[in-house]
Amino acid sequence: MNIDTDRLRADLEALARFGADDDGGVSRPSFSPADLQARAWLQERCERAGLHYREDVVGNVFMRLDGPAVAPVWTGSHLDSVPNGGRLDGALGVVAALEVVRSLREQQVTLARPVEAVSFADEEGGFLGFLGSRAVASGLRPAELRAVVGRDGRRLVDAMEQVGFAPEQVEEARIDPSSVHAFVEMHIEQGVVLEDAGFDVGVVSSIVGVGRCSVEFRGRPDHAGTTPMHLRRDAMRGAADLLAQVPGLPGVVGAPDAVITCGRLDLHPDAYNIVPGWVRLGFDIRHPDRTIIEALEREVAERAADAAELHHLEVKHVPESLTDPTPLDDRIRQLTRDAADEVGATWLDMPSGAGHDSQVIAPLVPTGMVFVPSVDGRSHSPLERTSWEDIAAGTSVLYGVVRRLATDGRT
């Protein structure tokens, strides 16, 4: 095999100690003591391997294998975790990237360009989601950082300065797109598709767009014991009517692979003995095609209007946000298939249903992603798992992609 699987496993197990929870999960928010411990460990591993370690002003990590003085290949992910998350989300991509770069050096591969293993700061949004990749790719201003308060109540700028980073210099982190040749991110799938279909790796075609909207039903709050059923203007009835139709909406718009979730529900007065007078539902809609997202949101609005009329309610549909889908680079996708074929790994072309740093980098730099299966689809949980065989196969594929990108001589 083109990588050292024993070393890879040992490193993943070592990294999981930083921020370890009693139940097997990991809590490692950016700029926390656990994050600093993980960075120190990563620096030691990097320098022991003969690589150059540096951090930029926002806390992004770069571990460089030198080559000719041209744009490098980047590969990596993120070290931070959600509260009580899993051991692999993000961390696998960083450790796999380090293993790939070490292996290239040890095997004395003749490079046409440098290779850097990268870890982006605060992908999970303990303070500001995609902080590191946004600072690098799209640019952030100091005033934006000053306005951010994290989950723990600290201001982002205070948290950064306390550990030696420089939020007032955030604009220095932004790169010239021509200064990076390509970026490849390895990640756990965080879903069940690969495991259910029996594939070793996923070749990610795109990262889905996300539309969010809310629907508010307004009726009349009345006494739950004295108001006959046929005289009620119960806002919850409208909500229930709409929710019953939601599972069928992807099929209605001709996109059975779309997903729509009602993940928020607020009601007032929110009491056992009062007929709800107001209910708000929050919807998350995802698909690789923006027009499908828009069509699903229209269906939600139309079905909500019908439910309101049926139950004598007022209704308001509020569009909240729409993040465009992000297509990934066709050439890197083909290189990923070739790398998988080379090591005998089975592959599946698939979109990513979750967001990643890759979606921030891709508009500027040719970008690809390699997925490995998630056992039972579990992620953001102490139960997050991927088999060691799948981790090894995915990292071996990542090695093949990065080697191809770093040795082809294209500028």
Protein backbone atom coordinates (compact mmCIF):
# COMPACT_ATOMS: atom_id res chain seq x y z
CA MET A 1 0.00 0.00 0.00
CA ASN A 2 1.18 3.55 -0.76
CA ILE A 3 0.63 4.77 2.85
CA ASP A 4 1.54 3.56 6.34
CA THR A 5 -1.82 2.37 7.69
CA ASP A 6 -0.50 1.57 11.17
CA ARG A 7 0.87 5.10 11.55
CA LEU A 8 -2.37 6.56 10.20
CA ARG A 9 -4.41 4.65 12.76
CA ALA A 10 -2.08 5.58 15.62
CA ASP A 11 -2.29 9.25 14.69
CA LEU A 12 -6.09 9.24 14.52
CA GLU A 13 -6.26 7.59 17.93
CA ALA A 14 -3.76 10.07 19.37
CA LEU A 15 -5.61 13.10 18.00
CA ALA A 16 -8.89 11.86 19.50
CA ARG A 17 -7.42 12.32 23.00
CA PHE A 18 -7.54 16.11 22.67
CA GLY A 19 -11.01 17.14 23.81
CA ALA A 20 -12.07 13.56 24.53
CA ASP A 21 -15.43 13.15 26.30
CA ASP A 22 -16.22 10.36 28.75
CA ASP A 23 -18.72 8.78 26.33
CA GLY A 24 -16.20 8.41 23.50
CA GLY A 25 -17.07 11.65 21.75
CA VAL A 26 -14.89 14.70 21.15
CA SER A 27 -15.47 18.35 22.08
CA ARG A 28 -12.73 20.41 20.45
CA PRO A 29 -13.94 23.91 19.51
CA SER A 30 -11.55 26.25 17.76
CA PHE A 31 -9.21 28.30 19.98
CA SER A 32 -9.96 26.12 23.03
CA PRO A 33 -7.32 24.39 25.18
CA ALA A 34 -8.10 21.12 23.38
CA ASP A 35 -7.60 22.82 20.01
CA LEU A 36 -4.24 24.22 21.13
CA GLN A 37 -3.14 20.79 22.34
CA ALA A 38 -4.15 19.27 19.01
CA ARG A 39 -2.19 21.94 17.13
CA ALA A 40 0.92 21.34 19.24
CA TRP A 41 0.66 17.61 18.62
CA LEU A 42 0.17 18.20 14.89
CA GLN A 43 3.21 20.49 14.75
CA GLU A 44 5.36 17.86 16.46
CA ARG A 45 4.20 15.17 14.00
CA CYS A 46 4.79 17.50 11.07
CA GLU A 47 8.30 18.52 12.08
CA ARG A 48 9.26 14.95 12.96
CA ALA A 49 8.37 14.07 9.35
CA GLY A 50 10.67 16.79 8.01
CA LEU A 51 7.85 19.08 6.88
CA HIS A 52 7.53 22.83 7.41
CA TYR A 53 4.77 23.94 9.81
CA ARG A 54 3.15 27.37 9.85
CA GLU A 55 -0.07 29.04 10.99
CA ASP A 56 -1.62 32.13 9.44
CA VAL A 57 -3.23 35.07 11.24
CA VAL A 58 -6.61 33.32 11.72
CA GLY A 59 -5.26 29.94 12.82
CA ASN A 60 -5.21 27.98 9.58
CA VAL A 61 -2.45 25.35 9.64
CA PHE A 62 -0.16 24.55 6.69
CA MET A 63 2.29 21.60 6.65
CA ARG A 64 4.49 21.89 3.57
CA LEU A 65 6.53 19.47 1.52
CA ASP A 66 8.70 21.67 -0.66
CA GLY A 67 8.94 21.37 -4.42
CA PRO A 68 9.54 23.67 -7.38
CA ALA A 69 8.59 27.32 -6.86
CA VAL A 70 5.09 27.07 -8.31
CA ALA A 71 1.59 26.92 -6.84
CA PRO A 72 1.19 24.02 -4.36
CA VAL A 73 -1.44 21.33 -4.10
CA TRP A 74 -3.49 21.62 -0.91
CA THR A 75 -5.13 18.70 0.86
CA GLY A 76 -6.81 18.72 4.26
CA SER A 77 -9.93 19.58 6.26
CA HIS A 78 -10.42 20.86 9.84
CA LEU A 79 -9.43 19.98 13.42
CA ASP A 80 -12.35 21.53 15.31
CA SER A 81 -15.45 19.56 16.30
CA VAL A 82 -19.03 20.17 17.30
CA PRO A 83 -19.81 19.73 21.01
CA ASN A 84 -19.73 16.01 21.87
CA GLY A 85 -19.05 15.13 18.24
CA GLY A 86 -17.19 12.25 16.69
CA ARG A 87 -13.50 11.45 16.29
CA LEU A 88 -13.40 11.58 12.49
CA ASP A 89 -15.38 14.59 11.24
CA GLY A 90 -12.69 16.88 9.83
CA ALA A 91 -9.91 15.24 11.84
CA LEU A 92 -9.72 12.32 9.41
CA GLY A 93 -9.12 14.69 6.51
CA VAL A 94 -6.27 16.44 8.33
CA VAL A 95 -4.53 13.26 9.50
CA ALA A 96 -4.99 11.59 6.10
CA ALA A 97 -3.51 14.68 4.43
CA LEU A 98 -0.49 14.56 6.76
CA GLU A 99 -0.05 10.86 6.00
CA VAL A 100 -0.18 11.53 2.25
CA VAL A 101 2.45 14.29 2.44
CA ARG A 102 4.72 12.20 4.68
CA SER A 103 4.43 9.25 2.32
CA LEU A 104 5.31 11.36 -0.72
CA ARG A 105 8.44 12.55 1.09
CA GLU A 106 9.45 9.10 2.32
CA GLN A 107 8.98 7.59 -1.13
CA GLN A 108 11.05 10.40 -2.66
CA VAL A 109 8.41 11.12 -5.28
CA THR A 110 9.69 13.69 -7.78
CA LEU A 111 7.29 16.60 -7.45
CA ALA A 112 6.34 19.17 -10.05
CA ARG A 113 5.00 21.41 -7.29
CA PRO A 114 4.90 21.61 -3.48
CA VAL A 115 2.20 19.86 -1.46
CA GLU A 116 0.65 21.29 1.71
CA ALA A 117 -1.53 19.51 4.25
CA VAL A 118 -4.02 22.08 5.52
CA SER A 119 -6.32 22.46 8.53
CA PHE A 120 -8.87 25.27 8.32
CA ALA A 121 -9.96 27.06 11.51
CA ASP A 122 -13.51 26.90 12.93
CA GLU A 123 -15.24 25.01 10.13
CA GLU A 124 -17.96 23.89 12.54
CA GLY A 125 -18.91 27.42 13.55
CA GLY A 126 -18.27 27.51 17.28
CA PHE A 127 -17.70 31.17 16.47
CA LEU A 128 -18.07 31.70 12.71
CA GLY A 129 -18.66 28.77 10.37
CA PHE A 130 -15.94 28.27 7.74
CA LEU A 131 -13.89 31.04 9.38
CA GLY A 132 -10.55 29.80 8.09
CA SER A 133 -11.58 28.90 4.56
CA ARG A 134 -13.62 32.09 4.20
CA ALA A 135 -10.68 34.20 5.33
CA VAL A 136 -8.49 32.47 2.75
CA ALA A 137 -10.90 32.38 -0.17
CA SER A 138 -13.55 35.08 -0.02
CA GLY A 139 -11.96 37.45 2.46
CA LEU A 140 -13.19 38.72 5.82
CA ARG A 141 -12.86 42.14 7.45
CA PRO A 142 -11.88 42.88 11.05
CA ALA A 143 -15.27 44.48 11.71
CA GLU A 144 -17.00 41.21 10.79
CA LEU A 145 -14.94 39.32 13.35
CA ARG A 146 -15.51 41.93 16.06
CA ALA A 147 -19.26 41.35 15.80
CA VAL A 148 -19.08 37.59 16.40
CA VAL A 149 -19.85 36.01 19.78
CA GLY A 150 -19.31 32.27 20.17
CA ARG A 151 -21.42 29.55 21.71
CA ASP A 152 -19.50 29.98 24.96
CA GLY A 153 -20.27 33.71 25.18
CA ARG A 154 -16.76 34.89 24.30
CA ARG A 155 -16.11 37.35 21.52
CA LEU A 156 -14.30 35.77 18.60
CA VAL A 157 -11.59 38.44 18.54
CA ASP A 158 -10.86 37.90 22.24
CA ALA A 159 -10.66 34.13 21.82
CA MET A 160 -8.26 34.49 18.89
CA GLU A 161 -6.02 37.07 20.52
CA GLN A 162 -5.78 35.08 23.75
CA VAL A 163 -4.12 32.22 21.86
CA GLY A 164 -1.85 34.35 19.70
CA PHE A 165 -3.77 34.92 16.48
CA ALA A 166 -4.43 38.33 14.90
CA PRO A 167 -8.07 39.02 13.97
CA GLU A 168 -7.29 42.65 13.15
CA GLN A 169 -5.02 41.38 10.38
CA VAL A 170 -7.57 38.92 8.95
CA GLU A 171 -7.32 40.40 5.47
CA GLU A 172 -3.73 39.14 5.25
CA ALA A 173 -5.04 35.56 5.17
CA ARG A 174 -6.71 35.99 1.78
CA ILE A 175 -4.92 34.25 -1.09
CA ASP A 176 -4.49 35.00 -4.75
CA PRO A 177 -6.39 32.13 -6.45
CA SER A 178 -3.44 31.55 -8.77
CA SER A 179 -1.27 30.77 -5.73
CA VAL A 180 -2.92 27.35 -5.18
CA HIS A 181 -2.96 24.69 -7.92
CA ALA A 182 -5.74 22.50 -6.49
CA PHE A 183 -7.41 21.45 -3.24
CA VAL A 184 -8.56 17.94 -2.32
CA GLU A 185 -10.50 17.21 0.88
CA MET A 186 -11.08 13.74 2.30
CA HIS A 187 -14.06 13.44 4.63
CA ILE A 188 -16.44 10.94 6.12
CA GLU A 189 -19.72 10.85 4.20
CA GLN A 190 -21.89 11.57 7.27
CA GLY A 191 -24.71 9.61 5.63
CA VAL A 192 -25.67 6.05 4.67
CA VAL A 193 -25.33 6.05 0.88
CA LEU A 194 -21.87 4.48 0.53
CA GLU A 195 -22.41 1.88 3.24
CA ASP A 196 -25.82 0.86 1.92
CA ALA A 197 -24.56 0.60 -1.67
CA GLY A 198 -21.35 -1.20 -0.69
CA PHE A 199 -18.78 1.20 -2.16
CA ASP A 200 -15.34 1.94 -0.72
CA VAL A 201 -15.17 5.64 -1.61
CA GLY A 202 -17.35 8.43 -2.90
CA VAL A 203 -16.25 10.71 -5.73
CA VAL A 204 -18.03 13.93 -4.82
CA SER A 205 -19.66 15.63 -7.81
CA SER A 206 -20.98 18.71 -6.02
CA ILE A 207 -21.95 20.10 -2.65
CA VAL A 208 -25.67 20.66 -2.46
CA GLY A 209 -27.31 24.04 -2.27
CA VAL A 210 -29.31 24.81 0.85
CA GLY A 211 -32.53 26.79 0.95
CA ARG A 212 -34.10 27.83 4.23
CA CYS A 213 -37.52 29.30 4.79
CA SER A 214 -40.16 29.55 7.49
CA VAL A 215 -43.94 29.30 7.49
CA GLU A 216 -46.06 30.99 10.14
CA PHE A 217 -49.66 30.03 10.82
CA ARG A 218 -51.77 32.41 12.90
CA GLY A 219 -55.13 31.44 14.37
CA ARG A 220 -56.73 32.22 17.73
CA PRO A 221 -55.57 31.07 21.16
CA ASP A 222 -58.54 29.73 23.12
CA HIS A 223 -59.27 27.64 26.19
CA ALA A 224 -58.47 23.98 25.46
CA GLY A 225 -61.37 22.72 27.54
CA THR A 226 -64.21 25.02 26.57
CA THR A 227 -63.67 25.56 22.81
CA PRO A 228 -65.45 22.92 20.67
CA MET A 229 -63.31 21.26 18.03
CA HIS A 230 -65.38 22.58 15.12
CA LEU A 231 -65.05 26.19 16.32
CA ARG A 232 -61.29 26.26 16.75
CA ARG A 233 -58.82 28.27 14.69
CA ASP A 234 -55.94 26.03 15.73
CA ALA A 235 -52.62 27.07 14.20
CA MET A 236 -51.21 23.63 14.92
CA ARG A 237 -53.74 22.05 12.59
CA GLY A 238 -52.35 24.05 9.71
CA ALA A 239 -48.82 23.07 10.66
CA ALA A 240 -49.74 19.39 10.96
CA ASP A 241 -51.52 19.44 7.61
CA LEU A 242 -48.46 20.94 5.92
CA LEU A 243 -45.99 18.60 7.63
CA ALA A 244 -47.97 15.54 6.55
CA GLN A 245 -47.37 16.53 2.92
CA VAL A 246 -43.65 17.31 3.19
CA PRO A 247 -42.27 13.76 2.62
CA GLY A 248 -43.96 13.57 -0.78
CA LEU A 249 -42.83 16.95 -2.10
CA PRO A 250 -39.49 15.84 -3.65
CA GLY A 251 -41.43 13.41 -5.83
CA VAL A 252 -43.94 16.12 -6.76
CA VAL A 253 -41.16 18.28 -8.25
CA GLY A 254 -39.52 15.32 -9.98
CA ALA A 255 -36.48 15.16 -7.70
CA PRO A 256 -36.78 12.14 -5.39
CA ASP A 257 -33.14 12.65 -4.35
CA ALA A 258 -33.94 16.05 -2.83
CA VAL A 259 -34.31 16.31 0.95
CA ILE A 260 -36.53 18.64 2.94
CA THR A 261 -36.55 18.84 6.72
CA CYS A 262 -38.66 20.71 9.22
CA GLY A 263 -36.02 21.15 11.88
CA ARG A 264 -37.57 24.01 13.88
CA LEU A 265 -40.99 24.40 15.45
CA ASP A 266 -42.07 27.31 17.64
CA LEU A 267 -45.55 27.85 19.01
CA HIS A 268 -47.41 30.29 21.20
CA PRO A 269 -48.72 30.27 23.88
CA ASP A 270 -47.05 26.85 24.22
CA ALA A 271 -49.21 25.50 27.04
CA TYR A 272 -51.12 22.27 27.60
CA ASN A 273 -54.44 24.01 28.14
CA ILE A 274 -54.41 26.60 25.34
CA VAL A 275 -55.26 26.08 21.68
CA PRO A 276 -52.14 27.23 19.79
CA GLY A 277 -52.69 30.65 18.27
CA TRP A 278 -49.39 30.85 16.40
CA VAL A 279 -46.99 28.26 15.00
CA ARG A 280 -43.79 28.77 13.03
CA LEU A 281 -42.08 25.97 11.09
CA GLY A 282 -38.50 26.21 9.84
CA PHE A 283 -37.54 24.27 6.69
CA ASP A 284 -34.16 23.18 5.32
CA ILE A 285 -34.18 22.15 1.62
CA ARG A 286 -31.17 20.59 -0.13
CA HIS A 287 -30.34 19.52 -3.69
CA PRO A 288 -27.49 19.91 -6.21
CA ASP A 289 -29.80 21.94 -8.52
CA ARG A 290 -30.89 25.42 -7.42
CA THR A 291 -34.09 25.25 -9.50
CA ILE A 292 -35.20 22.16 -7.54
CA ILE A 293 -34.67 23.98 -4.25
CA GLU A 294 -36.73 26.91 -5.52
CA ALA A 295 -39.47 24.57 -6.78
CA LEU A 296 -39.67 22.82 -3.41
CA GLU A 297 -39.93 26.12 -1.58
CA ARG A 298 -42.79 27.15 -3.87
CA GLU A 299 -44.55 23.87 -3.07
CA VAL A 300 -44.13 24.53 0.65
CA ALA A 301 -45.63 28.01 0.25
CA GLU A 302 -48.56 26.77 -1.85
CA ARG A 303 -49.36 23.84 0.47
CA ALA A 304 -49.17 26.18 3.45
CA ALA A 305 -51.67 28.54 1.82
CA ASP A 306 -54.04 25.63 1.17
CA ALA A 307 -53.74 24.42 4.78
CA ALA A 308 -54.40 27.91 6.09
CA GLU A 309 -57.55 28.24 3.99
CA LEU A 310 -58.82 24.84 5.09
CA HIS A 311 -58.37 25.62 8.79
CA HIS A 312 -59.38 29.32 8.68
CA LEU A 313 -55.91 30.62 9.50
CA GLU A 314 -53.63 33.39 8.37
CA VAL A 315 -50.31 32.30 6.88
CA LYS A 316 -46.97 33.89 6.02
CA HIS A 317 -44.14 32.30 4.06
CA VAL A 318 -40.73 33.86 4.74
CA PRO A 319 -37.74 33.00 2.49
CA GLU A 320 -34.63 33.19 4.68
CA SER A 321 -31.55 32.12 2.72
CA LEU A 322 -30.38 30.24 -0.35
CA THR A 323 -26.83 28.94 -0.73
CA ASP A 324 -26.03 27.93 -4.28
CA PRO A 325 -24.87 24.38 -5.05
CA THR A 326 -21.12 24.09 -5.59
CA PRO A 327 -19.93 21.89 -8.47
CA LEU A 328 -16.52 20.29 -7.96
CA ASP A 329 -13.76 20.04 -10.53
CA ASP A 330 -14.32 17.47 -13.31
CA ARG A 331 -10.62 16.76 -13.80
CA ILE A 332 -10.04 16.05 -10.11
CA ARG A 333 -13.09 13.81 -10.08
CA GLN A 334 -11.58 11.75 -12.91
CA LEU A 335 -8.23 11.63 -11.14
CA THR A 336 -10.07 10.31 -8.08
CA ARG A 337 -11.70 7.53 -10.11
CA ASP A 338 -8.31 6.67 -11.61
CA ALA A 339 -6.67 6.60 -8.18
CA ALA A 340 -9.42 4.35 -6.84
CA ASP A 341 -9.10 1.96 -9.78
CA GLU A 342 -5.33 1.85 -9.25
CA VAL A 343 -5.69 0.49 -5.70
CA GLY A 344 -8.77 -1.65 -6.38
CA ALA A 345 -11.22 0.54 -4.45
CA THR A 346 -14.81 0.65 -5.65
CA TRP A 347 -16.22 4.16 -6.14
CA LEU A 348 -19.53 5.95 -6.52
CA ASP A 349 -20.18 9.39 -8.01
CA MET A 350 -22.33 11.26 -5.51
CA PRO A 351 -23.16 14.75 -4.21
CA SER A 352 -22.39 15.87 -0.67
CA GLY A 353 -25.49 16.64 1.35
CA ALA A 354 -23.48 18.45 4.03
CA GLY A 355 -21.40 21.61 3.85
CA HIS A 356 -17.59 21.53 3.83
CA ASP A 357 -14.62 23.89 3.50
CA SER A 358 -14.41 22.66 -0.10
CA GLN A 359 -17.50 24.65 -1.04
CA VAL A 360 -15.73 27.84 0.03
CA ILE A 361 -12.48 27.05 -1.78
CA ALA A 362 -14.03 25.64 -4.99
CA PRO A 363 -15.13 28.95 -6.58
CA LEU A 364 -11.46 30.05 -6.61
CA VAL A 365 -9.36 26.89 -6.88
CA PRO A 366 -10.00 23.54 -8.65
CA THR A 367 -11.38 21.39 -5.84
CA GLY A 368 -12.30 17.76 -5.28
CA MET A 369 -13.55 15.61 -2.41
CA VAL A 370 -13.11 11.96 -1.46
CA PHE A 371 -15.72 10.40 0.83
CA VAL A 372 -15.39 7.29 2.96
CA PRO A 373 -18.42 5.43 4.36
CA SER A 374 -19.95 6.31 7.72
CA VAL A 375 -21.14 3.31 9.72
CA ASP A 376 -24.94 3.56 9.99
CA GLY A 377 -24.63 7.13 8.67
CA ARG A 378 -23.76 8.42 12.13
CA SER A 379 -21.90 11.73 12.51
CA HIS A 380 -21.76 14.70 14.90
CA SER A 381 -22.10 12.02 17.56
CA PRO A 382 -19.89 9.85 19.78
CA LEU A 383 -21.24 6.96 17.66
CA GLU A 384 -19.50 8.31 14.54
CA ARG A 385 -17.49 5.46 13.00
CA THR A 386 -15.76 4.40 9.79
CA SER A 387 -14.05 1.02 9.48
CA TRP A 388 -10.25 1.04 9.49
CA GLU A 389 -10.33 -0.76 6.14
CA ASP A 390 -12.38 2.07 4.61
CA ILE A 391 -10.16 4.72 6.21
CA ALA A 392 -7.09 3.02 4.72
CA ALA A 393 -8.71 2.69 1.29
CA GLY A 394 -9.84 6.32 1.27
CA THR A 395 -6.42 7.60 2.33
CA SER A 396 -4.76 5.46 -0.33
CA VAL A 397 -7.08 6.99 -2.94
CA LEU A 398 -6.31 10.48 -1.60
CA TYR A 399 -2.61 9.72 -1.97
CA GLY A 400 -3.16 8.77 -5.60
CA VAL A 401 -5.08 11.95 -6.38
CA VAL A 402 -2.55 14.24 -4.70
CA ARG A 403 0.38 12.43 -6.33
CA ARG A 404 -1.20 12.88 -9.76
CA LEU A 405 -1.85 16.57 -9.14
CA ALA A 406 1.63 17.18 -7.75
CA THR A 407 3.58 15.37 -10.49
CA ASP A 408 1.80 16.23 -13.73
CA GLY A 409 3.74 19.45 -14.28
CA ARG A 410 0.70 21.51 -15.23
CA THR A 411 0.76 25.13 -14.13
